[in-house]
Amino acid sequence: MSQRTRTLWTLVITSVALFMGALDNLVVTTALPVIRVQLHASLSSLEWTVNAYTLTFAVLLLTGASIGERLGRRRMLLVGIAVFTLGSAVAALSPDTGVLIAARMVQGLGAAVMTPLTLTILSAGVPAERRGMALGIWGAVGGLAIALGPVVGGAVVQGLSWKWIFWLNVPIGVVLLPLARFRLAETKGAARSLDVGGLLLASTGLFGVVLGLVRANDLGWTSAPVLASLAAGVALLAAFVAWELRSAAPMLPMGLFRSRGFSAANAASFFLYFGMFGSVFLLAQFLQTAQHYSPLGAGLRILPWTAMPIVVAPIAGALSDRVGGRVVVLAGLVLQAAGLLWIATLLSESVGYASLVPAFVLSGVGMGLFFAPVANTVLSSVRKDQEGIASGATNAIRELGGVFGIAVLSAVFSSSGGYASPATFVAGVRPAVAVGGAIVLVGAAAMALVPRRRAATSATLPLASPEEAAA
């Protein structure tokens, strides 16, 4: 197989695997009303149908990336695809919400292994001079999954059955498994022993933090269970940092954070996902609750925002190869923040949809400028043998940003409004989206700290050996 053919297969397989995992972040939301009726589900059960996936996914991302670096990236990608496909089949066959929630956790486990490895396998399989363009296409596919999640969910539920939002994953997974086995080259990270202590501390610490966040709006931010969960999670994560500093073979080398590019780009990712996902979560409901559109209608009308990365991300990836990721990502964050703040000023019970479209497009362009170049910035700030764990860390950080965003912006929404009427919903959603825009601006400030392109190369030197530095 020629290098060009292998590169093309690597791009296709990793992009499809990313699409399959990313789609399930949002596809279930439009099916919840039907699931509630058919499975006689309580409100708490419906919430956990969504949270079970997010919780498992965010908690185990670092673990999946670390194991892939040691046992083989292709091998663990195959495991991730198989587990995700199995979880999807069980979810489609679920007779009650208990089985459905368990199946969603299995899906989250598979996605946690699969998602970070798509990035490292793609990075290792593409020549350096074409990496930005390849990551641009990869980012566009991730954006497409975000765009189509609500639309696919609404269309499948209205046209077929809620079960088919899970059945759709099964044939894709079955086809991907042999393709990945025979078309991808096996790669590994630097040889080292498995950091079991680090795995346990990171997993339990992230579990405590995320569990506290997803329960906070139900139980109250100051309730004892929430505070205990958050405190335990933070304490365990602090212990994880201390452990990694002393470990001979850490799963997440703390030296990565000595790179200003790595630290600042990850901070920007956290704040972008915080503001963006928290806002999308509420705006999708605004179109149904205050504007009275169907779930499918709401998903279609938010496409000017969520579909823009499909067009913009490949251009942004290629542009980052020429001018560096810092400028492109910074522009994306500013446009995303401007779009959210613009939307917040427009929202009202009677606002016409056409008035929202320019702000949706502006936000979408910002998303498209962000995704691929920030991945390139992160990977360029670490050594080649550290790309796998850097990818896992980046994915975990941004997913946690999304969880924080939904929890915090929902709390802002609840403090000012509610679901009693369109007027009360608007009263809550306007300040929440404004806060989301302000948070994205914090991410822009963080991104401004990334060294310029010439300096970015030297940012990796503290992580390299003296011989590498001299070279």
Protein backbone atom coordinates (compact mmCIF):
# COMPACT_ATOMS: atom_id res chain seq x y z
CA MET A 1 0.00 0.00 0.00
CA SER A 2 1.41 3.39 -0.98
CA GLN A 3 1.92 6.14 1.61
CA ARG A 4 -0.76 8.26 -0.06
CA THR A 5 -3.31 5.43 0.05
CA ARG A 6 -2.48 4.62 3.67
CA THR A 7 -2.85 8.30 4.59
CA LEU A 8 -6.25 8.46 2.91
CA TRP A 9 -7.48 5.33 4.70
CA THR A 10 -6.18 6.69 8.00
CA LEU A 11 -8.10 9.93 7.49
CA VAL A 12 -11.34 8.16 6.51
CA ILE A 13 -11.30 5.59 9.33
CA THR A 14 -10.38 8.01 12.11
CA SER A 15 -12.90 10.60 10.91
CA VAL A 16 -15.77 8.10 10.76
CA ALA A 17 -14.89 6.78 14.24
CA LEU A 18 -14.83 10.35 15.56
CA PHE A 19 -18.18 11.08 13.91
CA MET A 20 -19.81 8.02 15.46
CA GLY A 21 -18.69 8.93 18.98
CA ALA A 22 -19.35 12.68 18.71
CA LEU A 23 -22.84 12.22 17.27
CA ASP A 24 -24.05 10.43 20.39
CA ASN A 25 -23.27 13.46 22.56
CA LEU A 26 -26.37 15.25 21.21
CA VAL A 27 -28.45 12.77 19.22
CA VAL A 28 -30.38 11.47 22.25
CA THR A 29 -31.72 14.84 23.42
CA THR A 30 -34.48 15.05 20.81
CA ALA A 31 -35.62 11.49 21.60
CA LEU A 32 -36.18 12.03 25.33
CA PRO A 33 -39.92 12.88 25.18
CA VAL A 34 -40.66 9.65 23.27
CA ILE A 35 -38.43 7.57 25.55
CA ARG A 36 -40.26 9.02 28.57
CA VAL A 37 -43.62 7.80 27.21
CA GLN A 38 -42.56 4.41 25.84
CA LEU A 39 -40.36 3.37 28.76
CA HIS A 40 -42.45 5.16 31.45
CA ALA A 41 -39.32 7.02 32.49
CA SER A 42 -39.06 9.53 35.32
CA LEU A 43 -37.42 12.92 34.85
CA SER A 44 -34.37 11.70 36.79
CA SER A 45 -34.04 8.67 34.51
CA LEU A 46 -34.19 10.87 31.43
CA GLU A 47 -31.43 13.08 32.79
CA TRP A 48 -29.23 10.07 33.45
CA THR A 49 -29.86 8.79 29.92
CA VAL A 50 -27.84 11.82 28.79
CA ASN A 51 -25.49 12.12 31.77
CA ALA A 52 -24.45 8.44 31.85
CA TYR A 53 -22.73 8.88 28.49
CA THR A 54 -21.17 12.25 29.29
CA LEU A 55 -19.98 11.13 32.71
CA THR A 56 -18.29 7.93 31.53
CA PHE A 57 -16.85 9.63 28.47
CA ALA A 58 -15.25 12.52 30.38
CA VAL A 59 -13.96 10.37 33.24
CA LEU A 60 -12.23 7.71 31.15
CA LEU A 61 -10.69 9.75 28.32
CA LEU A 62 -7.27 9.96 29.98
CA THR A 63 -7.39 6.26 30.83
CA GLY A 64 -8.20 5.24 27.25
CA ALA A 65 -5.43 7.39 25.82
CA SER A 66 -2.87 6.11 28.32
CA ILE A 67 -3.64 2.43 27.67
CA GLY A 68 -3.52 3.05 23.91
CA GLU A 69 -0.05 4.50 24.19
CA ARG A 70 1.20 1.37 25.94
CA LEU A 71 -0.71 -1.48 24.28
CA GLY A 72 -1.00 -0.04 20.78
CA ARG A 73 -3.20 2.69 19.36
CA ARG A 74 -4.77 0.60 16.60
CA ARG A 75 -5.45 -2.28 18.97
CA MET A 76 -7.20 -0.06 21.49
CA LEU A 77 -9.11 1.77 18.76
CA LEU A 78 -10.51 -1.61 17.73
CA VAL A 79 -11.49 -2.27 21.36
CA GLY A 80 -13.15 1.14 21.60
CA ILE A 81 -15.15 0.65 18.38
CA ALA A 82 -16.26 -2.84 19.47
CA VAL A 83 -17.36 -1.67 22.94
CA PHE A 84 -19.19 1.35 21.52
CA THR A 85 -20.98 -0.81 18.93
CA LEU A 86 -22.00 -3.35 21.58
CA GLY A 87 -23.30 -0.58 23.85
CA SER A 88 -25.33 0.84 20.95
CA ALA A 89 -26.97 -2.53 20.26
CA VAL A 90 -27.86 -3.01 23.94
CA ALA A 91 -29.28 0.53 24.10
CA ALA A 92 -31.49 -0.19 21.08
CA LEU A 93 -32.80 -3.38 22.74
CA SER A 94 -33.35 -1.78 26.18
CA PRO A 95 -36.65 -2.83 27.78
CA ASP A 96 -36.44 -0.17 30.52
CA THR A 97 -34.48 2.89 31.53
CA GLY A 98 -32.16 0.95 33.85
CA VAL A 99 -30.78 -1.09 30.95
CA LEU A 100 -30.70 2.00 28.73
CA ILE A 101 -28.63 3.96 31.25
CA ALA A 102 -26.20 1.05 31.67
CA ALA A 103 -25.88 0.75 27.88
CA ARG A 104 -25.17 4.46 27.61
CA MET A 105 -22.32 4.02 30.10
CA VAL A 106 -20.89 1.25 27.91
CA GLN A 107 -21.15 3.57 24.91
CA GLY A 108 -19.31 6.26 26.89
CA LEU A 109 -16.54 3.77 27.75
CA GLY A 110 -16.09 2.86 24.09
CA ALA A 111 -16.10 6.50 23.01
CA ALA A 112 -13.54 7.41 25.71
CA VAL A 113 -11.11 4.86 24.29
CA MET A 114 -11.92 5.60 20.65
CA THR A 115 -12.02 9.41 20.47
CA PRO A 116 -8.52 10.48 21.62
CA LEU A 117 -6.92 7.68 19.59
CA THR A 118 -8.48 8.98 16.36
CA LEU A 119 -6.41 12.13 16.79
CA THR A 120 -3.10 10.44 17.62
CA ILE A 121 -3.47 7.78 14.90
CA LEU A 122 -4.25 10.49 12.34
CA SER A 123 -1.34 12.65 13.48
CA ALA A 124 1.07 9.70 13.28
CA GLY A 125 -0.23 8.59 9.88
CA VAL A 126 -0.10 11.91 8.02
CA PRO A 127 3.08 13.69 6.82
CA ALA A 128 3.89 16.73 8.95
CA GLU A 129 3.42 19.18 6.08
CA ARG A 130 -0.16 17.98 5.54
CA ARG A 131 -1.17 17.53 9.16
CA GLY A 132 -3.00 20.85 9.42
CA MET A 133 -5.19 20.06 6.41
CA ALA A 134 -5.88 16.52 7.65
CA LEU A 135 -6.82 17.81 11.09
CA GLY A 136 -9.03 20.39 9.39
CA ILE A 137 -11.01 17.63 7.69
CA TRP A 138 -11.06 15.66 10.97
CA GLY A 139 -12.35 18.77 12.76
CA ALA A 140 -14.99 19.35 10.09
CA VAL A 141 -16.27 15.80 10.61
CA GLY A 142 -16.49 16.45 14.36
CA GLY A 143 -18.36 19.65 13.60
CA LEU A 144 -20.68 17.74 11.28
CA ALA A 145 -21.51 15.33 14.11
CA ILE A 146 -22.38 18.28 16.38
CA ALA A 147 -24.47 19.82 13.61
CA LEU A 148 -26.38 16.67 12.77
CA GLY A 149 -26.95 15.39 16.31
CA PRO A 150 -30.23 17.21 16.99
CA VAL A 151 -31.34 16.90 13.34
CA VAL A 152 -30.66 13.17 13.08
CA GLY A 153 -32.29 12.55 16.45
CA GLY A 154 -35.42 14.48 15.51
CA ALA A 155 -35.70 12.93 12.04
CA VAL A 156 -35.18 9.34 13.23
CA VAL A 157 -37.62 9.69 16.12
CA GLN A 158 -40.32 11.22 13.93
CA GLY A 159 -39.74 8.88 10.96
CA LEU A 160 -38.83 5.57 12.60
CA SER A 161 -38.36 4.94 16.33
CA TRP A 162 -36.09 6.19 19.11
CA LYS A 163 -34.35 2.80 19.02
CA TRP A 164 -32.94 3.59 15.59
CA ILE A 165 -30.75 6.41 16.92
CA PHE A 166 -28.73 3.56 18.46
CA TRP A 167 -29.19 0.94 15.72
CA LEU A 168 -27.58 3.33 13.22
CA ASN A 169 -24.23 2.92 15.00
CA VAL A 170 -24.15 -0.87 14.67
CA PRO A 171 -23.53 -1.29 10.90
CA ILE A 172 -21.01 1.56 10.98
CA GLY A 173 -19.10 -0.14 13.77
CA VAL A 174 -19.24 -3.54 12.05
CA VAL A 175 -17.74 -2.05 8.86
CA LEU A 176 -15.11 0.00 10.72
CA LEU A 177 -13.65 -2.93 12.64
CA PRO A 178 -12.11 -4.87 9.69
CA LEU A 179 -11.13 -1.64 7.93
CA ALA A 180 -9.25 -0.41 11.00
CA ARG A 181 -7.63 -3.81 11.51
CA PHE A 182 -6.23 -4.12 8.00
CA ARG A 183 -5.84 -0.52 6.80
CA LEU A 184 -4.28 1.19 9.83
CA ALA A 185 -0.66 0.85 10.89
CA GLU A 186 0.01 0.00 14.52
CA THR A 187 1.81 2.69 16.53
CA LYS A 188 2.68 3.09 20.20
CA GLY A 189 3.91 5.81 22.49
CA ALA A 190 7.11 5.66 24.48
CA ALA A 191 7.51 2.31 26.23
CA ARG A 192 6.66 2.56 29.91
CA SER A 193 4.85 0.66 32.64
CA LEU A 194 1.17 1.30 33.19
CA ASP A 195 0.57 3.98 35.83
CA VAL A 196 -2.16 2.17 37.78
CA GLY A 197 -2.11 4.63 40.70
CA GLY A 198 -2.47 7.57 38.34
CA LEU A 199 -5.30 5.86 36.45
CA LEU A 200 -7.25 5.23 39.65
CA LEU A 201 -6.74 8.72 41.08
CA ALA A 202 -7.58 10.49 37.80
CA SER A 203 -10.66 8.36 37.12
CA THR A 204 -12.14 8.61 40.62
CA GLY A 205 -11.28 12.31 40.90
CA LEU A 206 -12.91 13.21 37.58
CA PHE A 207 -15.89 11.02 38.49
CA GLY A 208 -16.40 12.96 41.72
CA VAL A 209 -16.21 16.36 40.01
CA VAL A 210 -18.45 15.44 37.08
CA LEU A 211 -20.97 13.62 39.28
CA GLY A 212 -21.25 16.70 41.48
CA LEU A 213 -21.79 18.91 38.46
CA VAL A 214 -24.50 16.82 36.82
CA ARG A 215 -26.42 16.50 40.13
CA ALA A 216 -26.04 20.15 41.20
CA ASN A 217 -29.09 21.52 39.41
CA ASP A 218 -31.32 18.78 40.84
CA LEU A 219 -30.08 18.77 44.42
CA GLY A 220 -28.78 22.34 44.70
CA TRP A 221 -25.22 23.61 44.44
CA THR A 222 -24.91 23.88 48.22
CA SER A 223 -26.46 20.51 49.05
CA ALA A 224 -24.34 18.11 51.08
CA PRO A 225 -24.10 15.35 48.43
CA VAL A 226 -23.01 17.82 45.74
CA LEU A 227 -20.45 19.57 47.94
CA ALA A 228 -19.10 16.23 49.18
CA SER A 229 -18.78 14.91 45.62
CA LEU A 230 -17.04 18.06 44.37
CA ALA A 231 -14.71 18.21 47.39
CA ALA A 232 -13.77 14.54 47.10
CA GLY A 233 -13.17 14.91 43.36
CA VAL A 234 -10.94 17.96 43.79
CA ALA A 235 -8.98 16.27 46.59
CA LEU A 236 -8.42 13.15 44.49
CA LEU A 237 -7.30 15.24 41.50
CA ALA A 238 -4.85 17.10 43.75
CA ALA A 239 -3.55 13.71 44.90
CA PHE A 240 -3.29 12.70 41.23
CA VAL A 241 -1.08 15.72 40.48
CA ALA A 242 1.13 14.93 43.49
CA TRP A 243 1.35 11.28 42.40
CA GLU A 244 2.28 12.20 38.82
CA LEU A 245 5.04 14.54 40.01
CA ARG A 246 6.65 11.63 41.89
CA SER A 247 5.90 8.81 39.44
CA ALA A 248 8.75 7.35 37.39
CA ALA A 249 6.33 6.65 34.49
CA PRO A 250 3.40 9.10 34.83
CA MET A 251 0.29 8.71 32.68
CA LEU A 252 0.12 12.52 32.38
CA PRO A 253 3.60 14.04 32.65
CA MET A 254 3.24 17.34 34.50
CA GLY A 255 6.10 18.64 32.37
CA LEU A 256 3.58 19.01 29.54
CA PHE A 257 2.14 22.00 31.34
CA ARG A 258 5.53 23.74 31.31
CA SER A 259 4.79 24.37 27.66
CA ARG A 260 2.90 27.67 27.51
CA GLY A 261 1.35 26.60 24.21
CA PHE A 262 -0.02 23.37 25.66
CA SER A 263 -1.40 24.97 28.83
CA ALA A 264 -2.92 28.02 27.15
CA ALA A 265 -4.49 26.06 24.28
CA ASN A 266 -6.11 23.63 26.71
CA ALA A 267 -7.43 26.48 28.84
CA ALA A 268 -8.92 28.02 25.68
CA SER A 269 -10.55 24.67 24.81
CA PHE A 270 -12.09 24.39 28.27
CA PHE A 271 -13.65 27.85 28.12
CA LEU A 272 -14.81 27.49 24.51
CA TYR A 273 -16.65 24.25 25.27
CA PHE A 274 -17.98 25.77 28.50
CA GLY A 275 -19.63 28.68 26.71
CA MET A 276 -20.57 26.92 23.49
CA PHE A 277 -22.15 23.69 24.76
CA GLY A 278 -23.94 25.39 27.63
CA SER A 279 -25.44 27.89 25.19
CA VAL A 280 -26.39 25.33 22.52
CA PHE A 281 -28.08 23.22 25.21
CA LEU A 282 -30.35 26.13 26.14
CA LEU A 283 -30.86 27.64 22.67
CA ALA A 284 -32.07 24.32 21.25
CA GLN A 285 -34.71 24.35 23.97
CA PHE A 286 -35.50 28.02 23.33
CA LEU A 287 -36.49 27.21 19.75
CA GLN A 288 -38.91 24.56 21.04
CA THR A 289 -40.20 26.17 24.24
CA ALA A 290 -40.44 29.84 23.27
CA GLN A 291 -40.66 29.54 19.47
CA HIS A 292 -42.81 26.36 19.43
CA TYR A 293 -40.83 24.43 16.81
CA SER A 294 -40.75 20.62 16.77
CA PRO A 295 -37.51 18.88 17.80
CA LEU A 296 -36.65 18.33 14.12
CA GLY A 297 -37.60 21.91 13.28
CA ALA A 298 -35.40 23.23 16.07
CA GLY A 299 -32.47 21.07 14.95
CA LEU A 300 -32.77 22.30 11.38
CA ARG A 301 -32.95 25.95 12.43
CA ILE A 302 -29.79 25.77 14.49
CA LEU A 303 -27.84 24.39 11.50
CA PRO A 304 -26.57 27.83 10.36
CA TRP A 305 -24.51 27.72 13.56
CA THR A 306 -23.57 24.09 14.02
CA ALA A 307 -23.01 23.27 10.33
CA MET A 308 -20.54 26.09 9.61
CA PRO A 309 -17.49 24.09 10.78
CA ILE A 310 -18.11 21.68 7.89
CA VAL A 311 -17.16 24.49 5.52
CA VAL A 312 -14.74 26.48 7.66
CA ALA A 313 -12.70 23.80 9.49
CA PRO A 314 -10.79 22.43 6.46
CA ILE A 315 -9.88 25.98 5.42
CA ALA A 316 -8.83 26.79 8.99
CA GLY A 317 -6.63 23.69 9.16
CA ALA A 318 -4.82 24.55 5.96
CA LEU A 319 -4.51 28.19 7.06
CA SER A 320 -2.94 27.16 10.36
CA ASP A 321 -0.19 25.36 8.41
CA ARG A 322 0.68 28.69 6.77
CA VAL A 323 0.27 31.27 9.54
CA GLY A 324 0.21 29.17 12.72
CA GLY A 325 -2.69 28.06 14.88
CA ARG A 326 -2.55 30.90 17.41
CA VAL A 327 -3.96 33.61 15.13
CA VAL A 328 -6.66 31.37 13.63
CA VAL A 329 -7.86 30.00 16.99
CA LEU A 330 -7.85 33.44 18.60
CA ALA A 331 -9.99 34.80 15.76
CA GLY A 332 -12.38 31.87 16.17
CA LEU A 333 -12.81 32.47 19.90
CA VAL A 334 -13.50 36.18 19.40
CA LEU A 335 -16.10 35.46 16.69
CA GLN A 336 -17.76 32.77 18.81
CA ALA A 337 -17.99 35.12 21.80
CA ALA A 338 -19.33 37.95 19.63
CA GLY A 339 -21.96 35.65 18.17
CA LEU A 340 -23.16 34.49 21.59
CA LEU A 341 -23.35 38.02 22.98
CA TRP A 342 -25.24 39.12 19.86
CA ILE A 343 -27.71 36.25 20.27
CA ALA A 344 -28.26 37.19 23.92
CA THR A 345 -29.27 40.73 22.93
CA LEU A 346 -31.72 39.45 20.29
CA LEU A 347 -33.58 36.81 22.31
CA SER A 348 -37.24 37.55 23.02
CA GLU A 349 -40.57 35.76 22.76
CA SER A 350 -41.31 37.37 19.40
CA VAL A 351 -37.87 37.52 17.78
CA GLY A 352 -38.01 36.38 14.16
CA TYR A 353 -35.84 33.46 13.20
CA ALA A 354 -34.28 35.44 10.34
CA SER A 355 -32.91 37.93 12.87
CA LEU A 356 -30.97 35.14 14.61
CA VAL A 357 -29.38 33.66 11.48
CA PRO A 358 -26.47 36.15 11.10
CA ALA A 359 -25.49 35.66 14.75
CA PHE A 360 -25.74 31.87 14.34
CA VAL A 361 -23.47 32.05 11.27
CA LEU A 362 -20.93 34.23 13.10
CA SER A 363 -20.79 31.75 15.97
CA GLY A 364 -20.46 28.86 13.53
CA VAL A 365 -17.54 30.47 11.73
CA GLY A 366 -15.88 30.90 15.11
CA MET A 367 -16.34 27.20 15.87
CA GLY A 368 -14.89 26.21 12.52
CA LEU A 369 -11.81 28.37 13.02
CA PHE A 370 -11.22 26.80 16.42
CA PHE A 371 -11.45 23.01 16.17
CA ALA A 372 -8.62 21.88 13.89
CA PRO A 373 -6.02 24.62 14.57
CA VAL A 374 -6.28 24.16 18.35
CA ALA A 375 -5.61 20.43 17.94
CA ASN A 376 -2.61 21.26 15.78
CA THR A 377 -1.42 23.80 18.36
CA VAL A 378 -1.61 21.26 21.18
CA LEU A 379 0.19 18.51 19.26
CA SER A 380 2.85 20.92 18.04
CA SER A 381 3.65 21.95 21.61
CA VAL A 382 4.72 18.46 22.76
CA ARG A 383 7.17 15.80 21.61
CA LYS A 384 6.06 13.16 19.11
CA ASP A 385 6.07 10.42 21.75
CA GLN A 386 3.79 12.54 23.99
CA GLU A 387 1.07 13.18 21.40
CA GLY A 388 -1.15 10.32 22.56
CA ILE A 389 -1.42 11.39 26.17
CA ALA A 390 -1.61 15.06 25.13
CA SER A 391 -4.60 14.16 22.94
CA GLY A 392 -6.30 12.34 25.82
CA ALA A 393 -5.70 15.27 28.16
CA THR A 394 -7.07 17.76 25.63
CA ASN A 395 -10.21 15.72 25.00
CA ALA A 396 -10.82 15.26 28.73
CA ILE A 397 -10.36 18.98 29.42
CA ARG A 398 -12.75 20.09 26.70
CA GLU A 399 -15.40 17.52 27.65
CA LEU A 400 -15.21 18.73 31.24
CA GLY A 401 -15.65 22.24 29.90
CA GLY A 402 -18.89 21.15 28.23
CA VAL A 403 -20.15 19.53 31.43
CA PHE A 404 -19.29 22.66 33.44
CA GLY A 405 -20.99 24.83 30.82
CA ILE A 406 -24.28 22.94 30.84
CA ALA A 407 -24.36 22.80 34.65
CA VAL A 408 -23.37 26.43 35.31
CA LEU A 409 -25.40 28.05 32.53
CA SER A 410 -28.42 25.96 33.56
CA ALA A 411 -27.99 27.34 37.08
CA VAL A 412 -27.89 30.90 35.68
CA PHE A 413 -31.02 30.09 33.67
CA SER A 414 -32.84 28.70 36.72
CA SER A 415 -31.96 31.70 38.88
CA SER A 416 -33.60 34.14 36.42
CA GLY A 417 -36.29 32.14 34.65
CA GLY A 418 -37.86 28.75 34.11
CA TYR A 419 -40.20 26.64 32.01
CA ALA A 420 -43.51 28.06 33.21
CA SER A 421 -44.05 30.16 30.05
CA PRO A 422 -42.16 31.47 27.02
CA ALA A 423 -41.64 34.76 28.87
CA THR A 424 -40.01 33.10 31.88
CA PHE A 425 -37.87 30.93 29.61
CA VAL A 426 -36.58 34.00 27.77
CA ALA A 427 -35.91 35.71 31.10
CA GLY A 428 -33.60 32.85 32.02
CA VAL A 429 -31.93 32.10 28.70
CA ARG A 430 -30.79 35.66 27.91
CA PRO A 431 -28.42 36.07 30.89
CA ALA A 432 -27.26 32.46 30.56
CA VAL A 433 -26.18 32.90 26.92
CA ALA A 434 -24.56 36.24 27.80
CA VAL A 435 -22.52 34.49 30.49
CA GLY A 436 -21.57 31.86 27.90
CA GLY A 437 -20.26 34.56 25.58
CA ALA A 438 -18.26 36.15 28.39
CA ILE A 439 -16.71 32.78 29.27
CA VAL A 440 -15.58 32.28 25.66
CA LEU A 441 -13.87 35.68 25.85
CA VAL A 442 -11.91 34.34 28.82
CA GLY A 443 -10.81 31.54 26.51
CA ALA A 444 -9.65 34.13 23.96
CA ALA A 445 -7.55 35.79 26.66
CA ALA A 446 -5.98 32.41 27.46
CA MET A 447 -5.25 31.74 23.78
CA ALA A 448 -3.47 35.07 23.49
CA LEU A 449 -0.83 33.61 25.82
CA VAL A 450 0.18 30.95 23.27
CA PRO A 451 3.62 31.85 21.87
CA ARG A 452 3.78 33.11 18.33
CA ARG A 453 4.71 30.55 15.71
CA ARG A 454 8.49 31.04 15.86
CA ALA A 455 8.45 30.88 19.68
CA ALA A 456 6.10 27.91 19.74
CA THR A 457 8.89 25.58 18.63
CA SER A 458 11.05 26.50 21.58
CA ALA A 459 8.11 25.96 23.90
CA THR A 460 8.66 22.23 23.57
CA LEU A 461 12.34 22.36 24.53
CA PRO A 462 11.83 21.97 28.29
CA LEU A 463 10.09 18.67 27.47
CA ALA A 464 12.84 17.35 25.22
CA SER A 465 16.10 15.66 26.04
CA PRO A 466 19.32 17.71 25.79
CA GLU A 467 20.20 15.87 22.58
CA GLU A 468 16.77 16.72 21.04
CA ALA A 469 17.11 20.32 22.14
CA ALA A 470 20.52 20.59 20.53
CA ALA A 471 19.18 19.10 17.32
